[in-house]
């Protein structure tokens, strides 16, 4: 019986988290756009030796932003499973 209650509570927590992510879809979309721009600018900075360190950090931050956006979109789509 306790396992069924825990499973129900877990299901409700996941549903609530999914709704929260859906509600702030604009935020993770903006993070994804920031990630794409940072990734692109960081890639350009690799062309000049003086800007390689800055380019590396922009590249890393851009990758993280795109990862967050993709993870949020996947989390929302999991609702259909």
N, C-alpha and C. Protein backbone atom coordinates (compact mmCIF):
# COMPACT_ATOMS: atom_id res chain seq x y z
N UNK A 1 0.81 -1.19 0.00
CA UNK A 1 0.00 0.00 0.00
C UNK A 1 0.86 1.27 0.00
N UNK A 2 1.93 1.25 0.81
CA UNK A 2 2.80 2.41 0.89
C UNK A 2 3.46 2.69 -0.46
N UNK A 3 3.82 1.65 -1.20
CA UNK A 3 4.44 1.82 -2.51
C UNK A 3 3.49 2.51 -3.47
N UNK A 4 2.22 2.18 -3.42
CA UNK A 4 1.22 2.80 -4.30
C UNK A 4 1.06 4.28 -3.97
N UNK A 5 1.09 4.60 -2.70
CA UNK A 5 0.98 6.01 -2.27
C UNK A 5 2.21 6.79 -2.73
N UNK A 6 3.40 6.20 -2.56
CA UNK A 6 4.63 6.86 -3.00
C UNK A 6 4.63 7.08 -4.50
N UNK A 7 4.15 6.09 -5.25
CA UNK A 7 4.10 6.20 -6.71
C UNK A 7 3.14 7.32 -7.11
N UNK A 8 2.01 7.42 -6.43
CA UNK A 8 1.04 8.47 -6.73
C UNK A 8 1.62 9.84 -6.43
N UNK A 9 2.26 9.98 -5.27
CA UNK A 9 2.87 11.26 -4.89
C UNK A 9 3.96 11.63 -5.89
N UNK A 10 4.78 10.66 -6.29
CA UNK A 10 5.84 10.93 -7.27
C UNK A 10 5.24 11.40 -8.59
N UNK A 11 4.16 10.75 -9.03
CA UNK A 11 3.49 11.13 -10.27
C UNK A 11 2.97 12.56 -10.20
N UNK A 12 2.41 12.93 -9.05
CA UNK A 12 1.89 14.29 -8.87
C UNK A 12 3.02 15.31 -8.86
N UNK A 13 4.15 14.98 -8.26
CA UNK A 13 5.30 15.89 -8.24
C UNK A 13 5.83 16.11 -9.64
N UNK A 14 5.92 15.04 -10.42
CA UNK A 14 6.41 15.14 -11.80
C UNK A 14 5.45 15.98 -12.62
N UNK A 15 4.15 15.77 -12.44
CA UNK A 15 3.15 16.54 -13.17
C UNK A 15 3.25 18.02 -12.82
N UNK A 16 3.43 18.32 -11.54
CA UNK A 16 3.55 19.71 -11.10
C UNK A 16 4.82 20.36 -11.68
N UNK A 17 5.90 19.63 -11.69
CA UNK A 17 7.15 20.16 -12.25
C UNK A 17 7.00 20.40 -13.75
N UNK A 18 6.33 19.49 -14.44
CA UNK A 18 6.11 19.63 -15.87
C UNK A 18 5.26 20.87 -16.16
N UNK A 19 4.24 21.10 -15.35
CA UNK A 19 3.39 22.29 -15.52
C UNK A 19 4.19 23.57 -15.29
N UNK A 20 5.09 23.54 -14.31
CA UNK A 20 5.93 24.71 -14.04
C UNK A 20 6.84 25.01 -15.22
N UNK A 21 7.45 23.98 -15.77
CA UNK A 21 8.34 24.17 -16.93
C UNK A 21 7.53 24.68 -18.12
N UNK A 22 6.32 24.15 -18.30
CA UNK A 22 5.45 24.60 -19.39
C UNK A 22 5.08 26.07 -19.22
N UNK A 23 4.78 26.46 -17.97
CA UNK A 23 4.38 27.83 -17.68
C UNK A 23 5.49 28.82 -18.03
N UNK A 24 6.72 28.43 -17.83
CA UNK A 24 7.86 29.31 -18.11
C UNK A 24 8.57 28.91 -19.40
N UNK A 25 7.81 28.45 -20.39
CA UNK A 25 8.40 28.02 -21.66
C UNK A 25 9.17 29.16 -22.33
N UNK A 26 8.68 30.38 -22.20
CA UNK A 26 9.37 31.53 -22.77
C UNK A 26 10.77 31.69 -22.19
N UNK A 27 10.92 31.34 -20.91
CA UNK A 27 12.21 31.51 -20.26
C UNK A 27 13.24 30.53 -20.82
N UNK A 28 12.89 29.25 -20.93
CA UNK A 28 13.88 28.32 -21.45
C UNK A 28 14.10 28.52 -22.95
N UNK A 29 13.11 29.09 -23.66
CA UNK A 29 13.34 29.44 -25.06
C UNK A 29 14.35 30.58 -25.16
N UNK A 30 14.22 31.59 -24.29
CA UNK A 30 15.20 32.69 -24.27
C UNK A 30 16.59 32.19 -23.90
N UNK A 31 16.66 31.25 -22.96
CA UNK A 31 17.95 30.67 -22.58
C UNK A 31 18.55 29.93 -23.78
N UNK A 32 17.71 29.24 -24.55
CA UNK A 32 18.18 28.54 -25.73
C UNK A 32 18.70 29.50 -26.79
N UNK A 33 17.99 30.62 -27.00
CA UNK A 33 18.44 31.62 -27.97
C UNK A 33 19.76 32.24 -27.50
N UNK A 34 19.84 32.57 -26.23
CA UNK A 34 21.10 33.09 -25.68
C UNK A 34 22.22 32.08 -25.89
N UNK A 35 21.90 30.81 -25.68
CA UNK A 35 22.90 29.76 -25.87
C UNK A 35 23.38 29.70 -27.31
N UNK A 36 22.45 29.78 -28.26
CA UNK A 36 22.83 29.74 -29.67
C UNK A 36 23.69 30.92 -30.07
N UNK A 37 23.32 32.12 -29.61
CA UNK A 37 24.10 33.32 -29.93
C UNK A 37 25.48 33.24 -29.29
N UNK A 38 25.54 32.83 -28.02
CA UNK A 38 26.83 32.70 -27.32
C UNK A 38 27.72 31.67 -28.01
N UNK A 39 27.13 30.58 -28.40
CA UNK A 39 27.86 29.52 -29.09
C UNK A 39 28.45 30.05 -30.40
N UNK A 40 27.65 30.79 -31.16
CA UNK A 40 28.09 31.34 -32.44
C UNK A 40 29.19 32.38 -32.24
N UNK A 41 28.99 33.34 -31.33
CA UNK A 41 29.99 34.38 -31.09
C UNK A 41 31.28 33.76 -30.54
N UNK A 42 31.13 32.79 -29.63
CA UNK A 42 32.31 32.10 -29.10
C UNK A 42 33.09 31.40 -30.19
N UNK A 43 32.39 30.82 -31.15
CA UNK A 43 33.05 30.15 -32.27
C UNK A 43 33.84 31.15 -33.11
N UNK A 44 33.28 32.34 -33.32
CA UNK A 44 33.99 33.38 -34.08
C UNK A 44 35.23 33.85 -33.33
N UNK A 45 35.11 33.96 -32.01
CA UNK A 45 36.25 34.42 -31.20
C UNK A 45 37.44 33.48 -31.29
N UNK A 46 37.22 32.23 -31.66
CA UNK A 46 38.33 31.29 -31.81
C UNK A 46 39.25 31.67 -32.97
N UNK A 47 38.81 32.57 -33.83
CA UNK A 47 39.62 32.96 -34.98
C UNK A 47 40.79 33.87 -34.61
N UNK A 48 40.71 34.56 -33.48
CA UNK A 48 41.76 35.46 -33.03
C UNK A 48 42.37 34.96 -31.72
N UNK A 49 43.67 34.80 -31.69
CA UNK A 49 44.34 34.26 -30.49
C UNK A 49 44.05 35.05 -29.21
N UNK A 50 43.90 36.36 -29.31
CA UNK A 50 43.67 37.18 -28.12
C UNK A 50 42.28 36.92 -27.52
N UNK A 51 41.36 36.37 -28.29
CA UNK A 51 39.98 36.18 -27.85
C UNK A 51 39.64 34.72 -27.56
N UNK A 52 40.62 33.84 -27.60
CA UNK A 52 40.34 32.41 -27.43
C UNK A 52 39.75 32.09 -26.05
N UNK A 53 40.28 32.69 -24.99
CA UNK A 53 39.76 32.41 -23.65
C UNK A 53 38.29 32.86 -23.52
N UNK A 54 37.98 34.06 -24.00
CA UNK A 54 36.61 34.55 -23.97
C UNK A 54 35.71 33.66 -24.83
N UNK A 55 36.22 33.29 -26.00
CA UNK A 55 35.48 32.42 -26.89
C UNK A 55 35.17 31.07 -26.26
N UNK A 56 36.13 30.55 -25.50
CA UNK A 56 35.93 29.27 -24.83
C UNK A 56 34.79 29.37 -23.82
N UNK A 57 34.77 30.44 -23.02
CA UNK A 57 33.72 30.60 -22.02
C UNK A 57 32.35 30.82 -22.68
N UNK A 58 32.33 31.60 -23.76
CA UNK A 58 31.06 31.79 -24.47
C UNK A 58 30.58 30.46 -25.07
N UNK A 59 31.51 29.68 -25.58
CA UNK A 59 31.20 28.38 -26.14
C UNK A 59 30.58 27.46 -25.07
N UNK A 60 31.19 27.45 -23.89
CA UNK A 60 30.69 26.62 -22.78
C UNK A 60 29.32 27.10 -22.32
N UNK A 61 29.17 28.42 -22.11
CA UNK A 61 27.88 28.95 -21.66
C UNK A 61 26.79 28.73 -22.71
N UNK A 62 27.15 28.88 -23.98
CA UNK A 62 26.20 28.65 -25.05
C UNK A 62 25.74 27.20 -25.09
N UNK A 63 26.68 26.30 -24.92
CA UNK A 63 26.33 24.88 -24.90
C UNK A 63 25.40 24.56 -23.73
N UNK A 64 25.67 25.15 -22.58
CA UNK A 64 24.82 24.93 -21.41
C UNK A 64 23.41 25.48 -21.65
N UNK A 65 23.33 26.67 -22.23
CA UNK A 65 22.01 27.25 -22.52
C UNK A 65 21.20 26.39 -23.47
N UNK A 66 21.84 25.88 -24.51
CA UNK A 66 21.13 25.02 -25.46
C UNK A 66 20.74 23.70 -24.81
N UNK A 67 21.57 23.19 -23.91
CA UNK A 67 21.24 21.96 -23.18
C UNK A 67 20.02 22.16 -22.29
N UNK A 68 19.97 23.28 -21.58
CA UNK A 68 18.83 23.57 -20.71
C UNK A 68 17.54 23.66 -21.53
N UNK A 69 17.61 24.36 -22.65
CA UNK A 69 16.44 24.48 -23.52
C UNK A 69 15.97 23.12 -24.02
N UNK A 70 16.89 22.30 -24.48
CA UNK A 70 16.54 20.97 -24.99
C UNK A 70 15.97 20.08 -23.89
N UNK A 71 16.57 20.14 -22.70
CA UNK A 71 16.08 19.32 -21.59
C UNK A 71 14.66 19.72 -21.19
N UNK A 72 14.39 21.01 -21.16
CA UNK A 72 13.04 21.47 -20.81
C UNK A 72 12.02 21.04 -21.86
N UNK A 73 12.37 21.15 -23.12
CA UNK A 73 11.46 20.71 -24.19
C UNK A 73 11.20 19.21 -24.09
N UNK A 74 12.23 18.43 -23.82
CA UNK A 74 12.06 16.98 -23.68
C UNK A 74 11.19 16.66 -22.47
N UNK A 75 11.37 17.39 -21.39
CA UNK A 75 10.58 17.17 -20.18
C UNK A 75 9.10 17.41 -20.44
N UNK A 76 8.80 18.45 -21.23
CA UNK A 76 7.41 18.75 -21.58
C UNK A 76 6.85 17.65 -22.47
N UNK A 77 7.62 17.19 -23.45
CA UNK A 77 7.15 16.18 -24.37
C UNK A 77 6.94 14.81 -23.69
N UNK A 78 7.63 14.56 -22.60
CA UNK A 78 7.48 13.29 -21.89
C UNK A 78 6.06 13.11 -21.37
N UNK A 79 5.31 14.19 -21.26
CA UNK A 79 3.94 14.12 -20.76
C UNK A 79 3.07 13.25 -21.67
N UNK A 80 3.39 13.21 -22.94
CA UNK A 80 2.60 12.45 -23.89
C UNK A 80 2.89 10.94 -23.83
N UNK A 81 3.94 10.55 -23.16
CA UNK A 81 4.33 9.14 -23.08
C UNK A 81 3.47 8.38 -22.12
